[in-house]
Protein backbone atom coordinates (compact mmCIF):
# COMPACT_ATOMS: atom_id res chain seq x y z
CA UNK A 1 16.96 -11.41 58.60
CA UNK A 2 20.09 -9.18 58.18
CA UNK A 3 21.75 -11.99 56.11
CA UNK A 4 18.79 -12.09 53.74
CA UNK A 5 19.10 -8.38 53.14
CA UNK A 6 22.93 -8.62 52.51
CA UNK A 7 22.50 -11.73 50.48
CA UNK A 8 19.82 -10.04 48.26
CA UNK A 9 22.04 -7.03 47.96
CA UNK A 10 24.88 -9.27 46.64
CA UNK A 11 22.56 -11.08 44.18
CA UNK A 12 21.20 -7.65 43.06
CA UNK A 13 24.77 -6.36 42.54
CA UNK A 14 25.69 -9.49 40.62
CA UNK A 15 22.63 -9.25 38.41
CA UNK A 16 23.26 -5.62 37.72
CA UNK A 17 26.86 -6.53 36.76
CA UNK A 18 25.54 -8.99 34.20
CA UNK A 19 23.16 -6.38 32.74
CA UNK A 20 25.98 -4.04 32.36
CA UNK A 21 28.06 -6.66 30.68
CA UNK A 22 25.27 -7.36 28.23
CA UNK A 23 24.97 -3.73 27.43
CA UNK A 24 28.58 -3.39 26.69
CA UNK A 25 28.55 -6.64 24.72
CA UNK A 26 25.80 -5.57 22.46
CA UNK A 27 27.35 -1.92 22.05
CA UNK A 28 30.69 -3.57 21.02
CA UNK A 29 28.73 -5.85 18.54
CA UNK A 30 26.96 -2.82 17.03
CA UNK A 31 30.22 -0.93 16.65
CA UNK A 32 31.90 -3.86 14.95
CA UNK A 33 30.03 -3.27 11.79
CA UNK A 34 29.04 -6.81 11.40
CA UNK A 35 26.43 -7.99 8.78
CA UNK A 36 22.74 -8.08 9.79
CA UNK A 37 23.01 -11.89 10.22
CA UNK A 38 26.18 -11.80 12.35
CA UNK A 39 24.76 -8.99 14.55
CA UNK A 40 21.56 -10.97 14.97
CA UNK A 41 23.66 -14.05 15.90
CA UNK A 42 25.61 -12.11 18.56
CA UNK A 43 22.56 -10.54 20.11
CA UNK A 44 20.92 -13.97 20.20
CA UNK A 45 23.95 -15.44 22.05
CA UNK A 46 23.82 -12.46 24.53
CA UNK A 47 20.01 -12.59 25.19
CA UNK A 48 20.08 -15.53 27.57
CA UNK A 49 22.80 -13.85 29.68
CA UNK A 50 20.71 -10.76 29.89
CA UNK A 51 17.49 -12.72 30.91
CA UNK A 52 19.44 -14.60 33.59
CA UNK A 53 21.04 -11.34 34.85
CA UNK A 54 17.52 -9.73 35.20
CA UNK A 55 16.21 -12.90 37.04
CA UNK A 56 19.10 -12.90 39.42
CA UNK A 57 18.61 -9.10 40.08
CA UNK A 58 14.92 -9.67 40.54
CA UNK A 59 15.46 -12.31 43.04
CA UNK A 60 17.95 -10.24 44.90
CA UNK A 61 15.55 -7.40 45.15
CA UNK A 62 12.73 -9.58 46.38
CA UNK A 63 15.18 -10.95 49.11
CA UNK A 64 15.94 -7.50 50.15
CA UNK A 65 12.29 -6.51 50.35
CA UNK A 66 11.45 -9.63 52.24
CA UNK A 67 14.42 -9.29 54.73
CA UNK A 68 13.47 -5.52 55.40
CA UNK A 69 9.72 -6.48 55.93
CA UNK A 70 10.57 -9.28 58.35
CA UNK A 71 13.01 -7.31 60.29
């Protein structure tokens, strides 16, 4: 079960990196002084990446919990 815990930790780290990327991308878009429509388009483009990163992070945390419970 140790491999499940470490695999889950890796997935969680990957998801967290994606979340940090989306935060930085939105911050950069806001500082770029874009028009409302352009900013909305940028955020719309970044949103699926954010949702995917949250999903990967959640799956990783569930794998860690399952690995710890089954150990």
